[in-house]
Amino acid sequence: MIFAIICQDKPGHLQVRLDARPDHVAYLNGLNEKGALKFAGPFLDENEKPCGSLVAVEAADKAAAEVIAAADPYAQVGLFASVEIRPWNWVFNKPENA
């Protein structure tokens, strides 16, 4: 099942995000190599600066998605004010249907 990991950065933590970005990208690349990553990218604020993340992963259940979310370097450095994990059904423009 696909789970959407929806994260909101703590206010004033852009530098924390930038500092941890190389490790975060490496982590996502690792998930991608395992076939777990479906898509990912940052939310942007009114100044087009990153202020959160949307990461969609394939996981057996919500507990497994929680483990993936907790292991993200952004989570480990305390970047997020909130993290919501929700099951998601990819209906339109699914790559394997293209």
PDB file of N, CA and C in Angstrom:
ATOM      1  N   MET A   1       0.841  -1.174   0.000  1.00  0.00           N
ATOM      2  CA  MET A   1       0.000   0.000   0.000  1.00  0.00           C
ATOM      3  C   MET A   1       0.889   1.241   0.000  1.00  0.00           C
ATOM      4  N   ILE A   2       0.389   2.289  -0.632  1.00  0.00           N
ATOM      5  CA  ILE A   2       1.122   3.553  -0.638  1.00  0.00           C
ATOM      6  C   ILE A   2       0.676   4.399   0.555  1.00  0.00           C
ATOM      7  N   PHE A   3       1.674   5.000   1.211  1.00  0.00           N
ATOM      8  CA  PHE A   3       1.411   5.927   2.304  1.00  0.00           C
ATOM      9  C   PHE A   3       2.024   7.273   1.967  1.00  0.00           C
ATOM     10  N   ALA A   4       1.245   8.331   2.178  1.00  0.00           N
ATOM     11  CA  ALA A   4       1.740   9.699   2.017  1.00  0.00           C
ATOM     12  C   ALA A   4       2.235  10.173   3.376  1.00  0.00           C
ATOM     13  N   ILE A   5       3.487  10.604   3.402  1.00  0.00           N
ATOM     14  CA  ILE A   5       4.090  11.159   4.610  1.00  0.00           C
ATOM     15  C   ILE A   5       4.107  12.673   4.401  1.00  0.00           C
ATOM     16  N   ILE A   6       3.284  13.378   5.159  1.00  0.00           N
ATOM     17  CA  ILE A   6       3.068  14.807   4.983  1.00  0.00           C
ATOM     18  C   ILE A   6       3.697  15.528   6.176  1.00  0.00           C
ATOM     19  N   CYS A   7       4.733  16.322   5.892  1.00  0.00           N
ATOM     20  CA  CYS A   7       5.516  16.938   6.962  1.00  0.00           C
ATOM     21  C   CYS A   7       5.495  18.451   6.839  1.00  0.00           C
ATOM     22  N   GLN A   8       5.377  19.114   7.969  1.00  0.00           N
ATOM     23  CA  GLN A   8       5.442  20.573   8.037  1.00  0.00           C
ATOM     24  C   GLN A   8       6.684  20.946   8.830  1.00  0.00           C
ATOM     25  N   ASP A   9       7.541  21.794   8.241  1.00  0.00           N
ATOM     26  CA  ASP A   9       8.751  22.227   8.934  1.00  0.00           C
ATOM     27  C   ASP A   9       8.417  23.142  10.109  1.00  0.00           C
ATOM     28  N   LYS A  10       9.286  23.136  11.099  1.00  0.00           N
ATOM     29  CA  LYS A  10       9.199  24.114  12.177  1.00  0.00           C
ATOM     30  C   LYS A  10       9.522  25.485  11.598  1.00  0.00           C
ATOM     31  N   PRO A  11       8.836  26.522  12.036  1.00  0.00           N
ATOM     32  CA  PRO A  11       9.153  27.872  11.556  1.00  0.00           C
ATOM     33  C   PRO A  11      10.616  28.223  11.840  1.00  0.00           C
ATOM     34  N   GLY A  12      11.249  28.909  10.894  1.00  0.00           N
ATOM     35  CA  GLY A  12      12.611  29.366  11.078  1.00  0.00           C
ATOM     36  C   GLY A  12      13.663  28.279  10.974  1.00  0.00           C
ATOM     37  N   HIS A  13      13.319  27.124  10.396  1.00  0.00           N
ATOM     38  CA  HIS A  13      14.257  26.002  10.325  1.00  0.00           C
ATOM     39  C   HIS A  13      14.780  25.729   8.919  1.00  0.00           C
ATOM     40  N   LEU A  14      14.748  26.733   8.044  1.00  0.00           N
ATOM     41  CA  LEU A  14      15.226  26.524   6.681  1.00  0.00           C
ATOM     42  C   LEU A  14      16.689  26.079   6.662  1.00  0.00           C
ATOM     43  N   GLN A  15      17.530  26.670   7.497  1.00  0.00           N
ATOM     44  CA  GLN A  15      18.945  26.281   7.497  1.00  0.00           C
ATOM     45  C   GLN A  15      19.133  24.839   7.969  1.00  0.00           C
ATOM     46  N   VAL A  16      18.307  24.404   8.910  1.00  0.00           N
ATOM     47  CA  VAL A  16      18.352  23.004   9.355  1.00  0.00           C
ATOM     48  C   VAL A  16      18.054  22.094   8.164  1.00  0.00           C
ATOM     49  N   ARG A  17      17.040  22.466   7.387  1.00  0.00           N
ATOM     50  CA  ARG A  17      16.684  21.698   6.191  1.00  0.00           C
ATOM     51  C   ARG A  17      17.850  21.671   5.204  1.00  0.00           C
ATOM     52  N   LEU A  18      18.417  22.818   4.936  1.00  0.00           N
ATOM     53  CA  LEU A  18      19.505  22.894   3.962  1.00  0.00           C
ATOM     54  C   LEU A  18      20.717  22.086   4.414  1.00  0.00           C
ATOM     55  N   ASP A  19      21.028  22.155   5.698  1.00  0.00           N
ATOM     56  CA  ASP A  19      22.182  21.420   6.223  1.00  0.00           C
ATOM     57  C   ASP A  19      21.985  19.904   6.136  1.00  0.00           C
ATOM     58  N   ALA A  20      20.752  19.448   6.356  1.00  0.00           N
ATOM     59  CA  ALA A  20      20.468  18.011   6.360  1.00  0.00           C
ATOM     60  C   ALA A  20      20.096  17.472   4.977  1.00  0.00           C
ATOM     61  N   ARG A  21      19.955  18.348   3.996  1.00  0.00           N
ATOM     62  CA  ARG A  21      19.478  17.933   2.679  1.00  0.00           C
ATOM     63  C   ARG A  21      20.323  16.841   2.020  1.00  0.00           C
ATOM     64  N   PRO A  22      21.658  16.914   2.035  1.00  0.00           N
ATOM     65  CA  PRO A  22      22.413  15.823   1.390  1.00  0.00           C
ATOM     66  C   PRO A  22      22.097  14.443   1.976  1.00  0.00           C
ATOM     67  N   ASP A  23      21.981  14.352   3.292  1.00  0.00           N
ATOM     68  CA  ASP A  23      21.652  13.077   3.925  1.00  0.00           C
ATOM     69  C   ASP A  23      20.216  12.657   3.595  1.00  0.00           C
ATOM     70  N   HIS A  24      19.308  13.618   3.553  1.00  0.00           N
ATOM     71  CA  HIS A  24      17.906  13.335   3.202  1.00  0.00           C
ATOM     72  C   HIS A  24      17.815  12.795   1.770  1.00  0.00           C
ATOM     73  N   VAL A  25      18.507  13.439   0.843  1.00  0.00           N
ATOM     74  CA  VAL A  25      18.488  12.996  -0.558  1.00  0.00           C
ATOM     75  C   VAL A  25      19.092  11.595  -0.676  1.00  0.00           C
ATOM     76  N   ALA A  26      20.179  11.341   0.027  1.00  0.00           N
ATOM     77  CA  ALA A  26      20.787  10.011   0.008  1.00  0.00           C
ATOM     78  C   ALA A  26      19.810   8.969   0.561  1.00  0.00           C
ATOM     79  N   TYR A  27      19.092   9.320   1.608  1.00  0.00           N
ATOM     80  CA  TYR A  27      18.102   8.416   2.193  1.00  0.00           C
ATOM     81  C   TYR A  27      17.004   8.103   1.181  1.00  0.00           C
ATOM     82  N   LEU A  28      16.485   9.143   0.526  1.00  0.00           N
ATOM     83  CA  LEU A  28      15.435   8.920  -0.468  1.00  0.00           C
ATOM     84  C   LEU A  28      15.957   8.108  -1.654  1.00  0.00           C
ATOM     85  N   ASN A  29      17.194   8.356  -2.060  1.00  0.00           N
ATOM     86  CA  ASN A  29      17.787   7.555  -3.137  1.00  0.00           C
ATOM     87  C   ASN A  29      17.851   6.078  -2.736  1.00  0.00           C
ATOM     88  N   GLY A  30      18.172   5.810  -1.486  1.00  0.00           N
ATOM     89  CA  GLY A  30      18.192   4.438  -0.990  1.00  0.00           C
ATOM     90  C   GLY A  30      16.808   3.797  -1.024  1.00  0.00           C
ATOM     91  N   LEU A  31      15.792   4.560  -0.621  1.00  0.00           N
ATOM     92  CA  LEU A  31      14.419   4.051  -0.702  1.00  0.00           C
ATOM     93  C   LEU A  31      14.032   3.776  -2.151  1.00  0.00           C
ATOM     94  N   ASN A  32      14.464   4.657  -3.040  1.00  0.00           N
ATOM     95  CA  ASN A  32      14.156   4.499  -4.458  1.00  0.00           C
ATOM     96  C   ASN A  32      14.800   3.237  -5.014  1.00  0.00           C
ATOM     97  N   GLU A  33      16.057   2.987  -4.635  1.00  0.00           N
ATOM     98  CA  GLU A  33      16.759   1.783  -5.097  1.00  0.00           C
ATOM     99  C   GLU A  33      16.063   0.508  -4.633  1.00  0.00           C
ATOM    100  N   LYS A  34      15.425   0.562  -3.471  1.00  0.00           N
ATOM    101  CA  LYS A  34      14.697  -0.596  -2.937  1.00  0.00           C
ATOM    102  C   LYS A  34      13.290  -0.714  -3.520  1.00  0.00           C
ATOM    103  N   GLY A  35      12.861   0.298  -4.298  1.00  0.00           N
ATOM    104  CA  GLY A  35      11.520   0.292  -4.869  1.00  0.00           C
ATOM    105  C   GLY A  35      10.447   0.798  -3.929  1.00  0.00           C
ATOM    106  N   ALA A  36      10.828   1.346  -2.780  1.00  0.00           N
ATOM    107  CA  ALA A  36       9.852   1.809  -1.799  1.00  0.00           C
ATOM    108  C   ALA A  36       9.362   3.232  -2.072  1.00  0.00           C
ATOM    109  N   LEU A  37      10.199   4.059  -2.686  1.00  0.00           N
ATOM    110  CA  LEU A  37       9.830   5.457  -2.920  1.00  0.00           C
ATOM    111  C   LEU A  37       8.987   5.566  -4.181  1.00  0.00           C
ATOM    112  N   LYS A  38       7.826   6.190  -4.062  1.00  0.00           N
ATOM    113  CA  LYS A  38       6.959   6.422  -5.217  1.00  0.00           C
ATOM    114  C   LYS A  38       7.188   7.817  -5.794  1.00  0.00           C
ATOM    115  N   PHE A  39       7.199   8.825  -4.929  1.00  0.00           N
ATOM    116  CA  PHE A  39       7.530  10.190  -5.334  1.00  0.00           C
ATOM    117  C   PHE A  39       7.783  11.017  -4.084  1.00  0.00           C
ATOM    118  N   ALA A  40       8.433  12.164  -4.271  1.00  0.00           N
ATOM    119  CA  ALA A  40       8.733  13.012  -3.116  1.00  0.00           C
ATOM    120  C   ALA A  40       9.079  14.411  -3.584  1.00  0.00           C
ATOM    121  N   GLY A  41       8.894  15.369  -2.706  1.00  0.00           N
ATOM    122  CA  GLY A  41       9.283  16.739  -2.984  1.00  0.00           C
ATOM    123  C   GLY A  41       8.845  17.663  -1.861  1.00  0.00           C
ATOM    124  N   PRO A  42       9.384  18.880  -1.869  1.00  0.00           N
ATOM    125  CA  PRO A  42       9.065  19.826  -0.806  1.00  0.00           C
ATOM    126  C   PRO A  42       7.797  20.635  -1.094  1.00  0.00           C
ATOM    127  N   PHE A  43       7.127  21.018  -0.023  1.00  0.00           N
ATOM    128  CA  PHE A  43       6.115  22.057  -0.117  1.00  0.00           C
ATOM    129  C   PHE A  43       6.868  23.386  -0.110  1.00  0.00           C
ATOM    130  N   LEU A  44       6.297  24.407  -0.730  1.00  0.00           N
ATOM    131  CA  LEU A  44       6.947  25.718  -0.807  1.00  0.00           C
ATOM    132  C   LEU A  44       6.087  26.765  -0.121  1.00  0.00           C
ATOM    133  N   ASP A  45       6.753  27.733   0.517  1.00  0.00           N
ATOM    134  CA  ASP A  45       6.031  28.846   1.136  1.00  0.00           C
ATOM    135  C   ASP A  45       5.768  29.945   0.107  1.00  0.00           C
ATOM    136  N   GLU A  46       5.250  31.071   0.563  1.00  0.00           N
ATOM    137  CA  GLU A  46       4.902  32.175  -0.340  1.00  0.00           C
ATOM    138  C   GLU A  46       6.123  32.780  -1.032  1.00  0.00           C
ATOM    139  N   ASN A  47       7.307  32.523  -0.503  1.00  0.00           N
ATOM    140  CA  ASN A  47       8.553  32.996  -1.121  1.00  0.00           C
ATOM    141  C   ASN A  47       9.246  31.903  -1.927  1.00  0.00           C
ATOM    142  N   GLU A  48       8.524  30.806  -2.164  1.00  0.00           N
ATOM    143  CA  GLU A  48       9.030  29.647  -2.908  1.00  0.00           C
ATOM    144  C   GLU A  48      10.224  28.978  -2.223  1.00  0.00           C
ATOM    145  N   LYS A  49      10.260  29.061  -0.901  1.00  0.00           N
ATOM    146  CA  LYS A  49      11.273  28.375  -0.100  1.00  0.00           C
ATOM    147  C   LYS A  49      10.642  27.112   0.492  1.00  0.00           C
ATOM    148  N   PRO A  50      11.402  26.032   0.610  1.00  0.00           N
ATOM    149  CA  PRO A  50      10.847  24.798   1.177  1.00  0.00           C
ATOM    150  C   PRO A  50      10.354  25.021   2.606  1.00  0.00           C
ATOM    151  N   CYS A  51       9.184  24.440   2.905  1.00  0.00           N
ATOM    152  CA  CYS A  51       8.603  24.585   4.243  1.00  0.00           C
ATOM    153  C   CYS A  51       7.980  23.285   4.744  1.00  0.00           C
ATOM    154  N   GLY A  52       8.193  22.205   4.017  1.00  0.00           N
ATOM    155  CA  GLY A  52       7.635  20.913   4.385  1.00  0.00           C
ATOM    156  C   GLY A  52       7.957  19.894   3.322  1.00  0.00           C
ATOM    157  N   SER A  53       7.455  18.696   3.506  1.00  0.00           N
ATOM    158  CA  SER A  53       7.749  17.615   2.564  1.00  0.00           C
ATOM    159  C   SER A  53       6.523  16.752   2.336  1.00  0.00           C
ATOM    160  N   LEU A  54       6.464  16.201   1.128  1.00  0.00           N
ATOM    161  CA  LEU A  54       5.502  15.156   0.794  1.00  0.00           C
ATOM    162  C   LEU A  54       6.311  13.995   0.241  1.00  0.00           C
ATOM    163  N   VAL A  55       6.265  12.868   0.925  1.00  0.00           N
ATOM    164  CA  VAL A  55       6.996  11.668   0.514  1.00  0.00           C
ATOM    165  C   VAL A  55       5.984  10.530   0.449  1.00  0.00           C
ATOM    166  N   ALA A  56       5.871   9.896  -0.703  1.00  0.00           N
ATOM    167  CA  ALA A  56       4.965   8.762  -0.856  1.00  0.00           C
ATOM    168  C   ALA A  56       5.802   7.492  -0.959  1.00  0.00           C
ATOM    169  N   VAL A  57       5.472   6.535  -0.097  1.00  0.00           N
ATOM    170  CA  VAL A  57       6.239   5.287  -0.041  1.00  0.00           C
ATOM    171  C   VAL A  57       5.311   4.081  -0.110  1.00  0.00           C
ATOM    172  N   GLU A  58       5.861   3.001  -0.629  1.00  0.00           N
ATOM    173  CA  GLU A  58       5.187   1.702  -0.587  1.00  0.00           C
ATOM    174  C   GLU A  58       5.615   1.031   0.703  1.00  0.00           C
ATOM    175  N   ALA A  59       4.643   0.639   1.505  1.00  0.00           N
ATOM    176  CA  ALA A  59       4.944  -0.019   2.773  1.00  0.00           C
ATOM    177  C   ALA A  59       3.864  -1.057   3.069  1.00  0.00           C
ATOM    178  N   ALA A  60       4.225  -2.059   3.845  1.00  0.00           N
ATOM    179  CA  ALA A  60       3.292  -3.141   4.171  1.00  0.00           C
ATOM    180  C   ALA A  60       2.102  -2.636   4.974  1.00  0.00           C
ATOM    181  N   ASP A  61       2.356  -1.678   5.866  1.00  0.00           N
ATOM    182  CA  ASP A  61       1.294  -1.148   6.714  1.00  0.00           C
ATOM    183  C   ASP A  61       1.759   0.197   7.285  1.00  0.00           C
ATOM    184  N   LYS A  62       0.885   0.831   8.053  1.00  0.00           N
ATOM    185  CA  LYS A  62       1.208   2.147   8.596  1.00  0.00           C
ATOM    186  C   LYS A  62       2.426   2.098   9.523  1.00  0.00           C
ATOM    187  N   ALA A  63       2.555   1.035  10.279  1.00  0.00           N
ATOM    188  CA  ALA A  63       3.707   0.913  11.185  1.00  0.00           C
ATOM    189  C   ALA A  63       5.010   0.919  10.390  1.00  0.00           C
ATOM    190  N   ALA A  64       5.036   0.243   9.259  1.00  0.00           N
ATOM    191  CA  ALA A  64       6.238   0.223   8.418  1.00  0.00           C
ATOM    192  C   ALA A  64       6.498   1.607   7.826  1.00  0.00           C
ATOM    193  N   ALA A  65       5.433   2.316   7.447  1.00  0.00           N
ATOM    194  CA  ALA A  65       5.588   3.686   6.940  1.00  0.00           C
ATOM    195  C   ALA A  65       6.112   4.611   8.032  1.00  0.00           C
ATOM    196  N   GLU A  66       5.677   4.395   9.261  1.00  0.00           N
ATOM    197  CA  GLU A  66       6.168   5.192  10.390  1.00  0.00           C
ATOM    198  C   GLU A  66       7.661   4.987  10.599  1.00  0.00           C
ATOM    199  N   VAL A  67       8.130   3.762  10.427  1.00  0.00           N
ATOM    200  CA  VAL A  67       9.562   3.463  10.560  1.00  0.00           C
ATOM    201  C   VAL A  67      10.339   4.210   9.480  1.00  0.00           C
ATOM    202  N   ILE A  68       9.827   4.198   8.253  1.00  0.00           N
ATOM    203  CA  ILE A  68      10.468   4.912   7.152  1.00  0.00           C
ATOM    204  C   ILE A  68      10.530   6.404   7.459  1.00  0.00           C
ATOM    205  N   ALA A  69       9.425   6.967   7.925  1.00  0.00           N
ATOM    206  CA  ALA A  69       9.373   8.402   8.228  1.00  0.00           C
ATOM    207  C   ALA A  69      10.349   8.766   9.349  1.00  0.00           C
ATOM    208  N   ALA A  70      10.412   7.955  10.375  1.00  0.00           N
ATOM    209  CA  ALA A  70      11.282   8.242  11.524  1.00  0.00           C
ATOM    210  C   ALA A  70      12.758   8.160  11.163  1.00  0.00           C
ATOM    211  N   ALA A  71      13.103   7.356  10.166  1.00  0.00           N
ATOM    212  CA  ALA A  71      14.502   7.193   9.765  1.00  0.00           C
ATOM    213  C   ALA A  71      14.981   8.292   8.825  1.00  0.00           C
ATOM    214  N   ASP A  72      14.081   9.121   8.334  1.00  0.00           N
ATOM    215  CA  ASP A  72      14.472  10.215   7.440  1.00  0.00           C
ATOM    216  C   ASP A  72      15.388  11.180   8.206  1.00  0.00           C
ATOM    217  N   PRO A  73      16.538  11.527   7.618  1.00  0.00           N
ATOM    218  CA  PRO A  73      17.436  12.471   8.294  1.00  0.00           C
ATOM    219  C   PRO A  73      16.764  13.792   8.682  1.00  0.00           C
ATOM    220  N   TYR A  74      15.809  14.252   7.913  1.00  0.00           N
ATOM    221  CA  TYR A  74      15.089  15.474   8.307  1.00  0.00           C
ATOM    222  C   TYR A  74      14.376  15.269   9.641  1.00  0.00           C
ATOM    223  N   ALA A  75      13.737  14.126   9.812  1.00  0.00           N
ATOM    224  CA  ALA A  75      13.055  13.836  11.075  1.00  0.00           C
ATOM    225  C   ALA A  75      14.065  13.712  12.205  1.00  0.00           C
ATOM    226  N   GLN A  76      15.200  13.096  11.924  1.00  0.00           N
ATOM    227  CA  GLN A  76      16.194  12.854  12.965  1.00  0.00           C
ATOM    228  C   GLN A  76      16.862  14.131  13.470  1.00  0.00           C
ATOM    229  N   VAL A  77      16.911  15.175  12.639  1.00  0.00           N
ATOM    230  CA  VAL A  77      17.488  16.447  13.107  1.00  0.00           C
ATOM    231  C   VAL A  77      16.425  17.380  13.682  1.00  0.00           C
ATOM    232  N   GLY A  78      15.189  16.906  13.786  1.00  0.00           N
ATOM    233  CA  GLY A  78      14.140  17.709  14.413  1.00  0.00           C
ATOM    234  C   GLY A  78      13.577  18.805  13.532  1.00  0.00           C
ATOM    235  N   LEU A  79      13.594  18.616  12.213  1.00  0.00           N
ATOM    236  CA  LEU A  79      13.102  19.648  11.297  1.00  0.00           C
ATOM    237  C   LEU A  79      11.592  19.838  11.363  1.00  0.00           C
ATOM    238  N   PHE A  80      10.848  18.784  11.609  1.00  0.00           N
ATOM    239  CA  PHE A  80       9.401  18.840  11.426  1.00  0.00           C
ATOM    240  C   PHE A  80       8.626  19.247  12.675  1.00  0.00           C
ATOM    241  N   ALA A  81       7.673  20.150  12.472  1.00  0.00           N
ATOM    242  CA  ALA A  81       6.720  20.508  13.519  1.00  0.00           C
ATOM    243  C   ALA A  81       5.629  19.453  13.602  1.00  0.00           C
ATOM    244  N   SER A  82       5.309  18.841  12.451  1.00  0.00           N
ATOM    245  CA  SER A  82       4.283  17.803  12.420  1.00  0.00           C
ATOM    246  C   SER A  82       4.566  16.824  11.290  1.00  0.00           C
ATOM    247  N   VAL A  83       4.132  15.602  11.511  1.00  0.00           N
ATOM    248  CA  VAL A  83       4.225  14.544  10.508  1.00  0.00           C
ATOM    249  C   VAL A  83       2.900  13.787  10.532  1.00  0.00           C
ATOM    250  N   GLU A  84       2.278  13.703   9.374  1.00  0.00           N
ATOM    251  CA  GLU A  84       1.034  12.947   9.228  1.00  0.00           C
ATOM    252  C   GLU A  84       1.287  11.845   8.204  1.00  0.00           C
ATOM    253  N   ILE A  85       0.859  10.642   8.517  1.00  0.00           N
ATOM    254  CA  ILE A  85       1.034   9.509   7.608  1.00  0.00           C
ATOM    255  C   ILE A  85      -0.346   8.957   7.295  1.00  0.00           C
ATOM    256  N   ARG A  86      -0.650   8.967   5.986  1.00  0.00           N
ATOM    257  CA  ARG A  86      -1.987   8.556   5.561  1.00  0.00           C
ATOM    258  C   ARG A  86      -1.908   7.579   4.397  1.00  0.00           C
ATOM    259  N   PRO A  87      -2.749   6.532   4.394  1.00  0.00           N
ATOM    260  CA  PRO A  87      -2.808   5.648   3.236  1.00  0.00           C
ATOM    261  C   PRO A  87      -3.351   6.430   2.043  1.00  0.00           C
ATOM    262  N   TRP A  88      -2.836   6.104   0.862  1.00  0.00           N
ATOM    263  CA  TRP A  88      -3.181   6.876  -0.329  1.00  0.00           C
ATOM    264  C   TRP A  88      -3.374   5.933  -1.498  1.00  0.00           C
ATOM    265  N   ASN A  89      -4.369   6.215  -2.323  1.00  0.00           N
ATOM    266  CA  ASN A  89      -4.671   5.400  -3.494  1.00  0.00           C
ATOM    267  C   ASN A  89      -4.364   6.200  -4.754  1.00  0.00           C
ATOM    268  N   TRP A  90      -3.394   5.757  -5.511  1.00  0.00           N
ATOM    269  CA  TRP A  90      -2.971   6.440  -6.750  1.00  0.00           C
ATOM    270  C   TRP A  90      -3.930   6.007  -7.855  1.00  0.00           C
ATOM    271  N   VAL A  91      -4.803   6.913  -8.289  1.00  0.00           N
ATOM    272  CA  VAL A  91      -5.815   6.596  -9.291  1.00  0.00           C
ATOM    273  C   VAL A  91      -5.441   7.143 -10.662  1.00  0.00           C
ATOM    274  N   PHE A  92      -5.158   8.434 -10.767  1.00  0.00           N
ATOM    275  CA  PHE A  92      -4.902   9.067 -12.054  1.00  0.00           C
ATOM    276  C   PHE A  92      -3.407   9.233 -12.324  1.00  0.00           C
ATOM    277  N   ASN A  93      -3.022   9.021 -13.572  1.00  0.00           N
ATOM    278  CA  ASN A  93      -1.654   9.215 -14.054  1.00  0.00           C
ATOM    279  C   ASN A  93      -0.633   8.352 -13.329  1.00  0.00           C
ATOM    280  N   LYS A  94      -1.039   7.190 -12.949  1.00  0.00           N
ATOM    281  CA  LYS A  94      -0.142   6.237 -12.320  1.00  0.00           C
ATOM    282  C   LYS A  94       0.876   5.797 -13.360  1.00  0.00           C
ATOM    283  N   PRO A  95       2.192   5.926 -13.090  1.00  0.00           N
ATOM    284  CA  PRO A  95       3.205   5.652 -14.105  1.00  0.00           C
ATOM    285  C   PRO A  95       3.092   4.285 -14.778  1.00  0.00           C
ATOM    286  N   GLU A  96       2.787   3.242 -14.024  1.00  0.00           N
ATOM    287  CA  GLU A  96       2.723   1.931 -14.652  1.00  0.00           C
ATOM    288  C   GLU A  96       1.514   1.775 -15.584  1.00  0.00           C
ATOM    289  N   ASN A  97       0.565   2.721 -15.524  1.00  0.00           N
ATOM    290  CA  ASN A  97      -0.576   2.699 -16.439  1.00  0.00           C
ATOM    291  C   ASN A  97      -0.336   3.552 -17.671  1.00  0.00           C
ATOM    292  N   ALA A  98       0.786   4.273 -17.720  1.00  0.00           N
ATOM    293  CA  ALA A  98       1.048   5.191 -18.831  1.00  0.00           C
ATOM    294  C   ALA A  98       1.424   4.445 -20.097  1.00  0.00           C
TER     295      ALA A  98
END
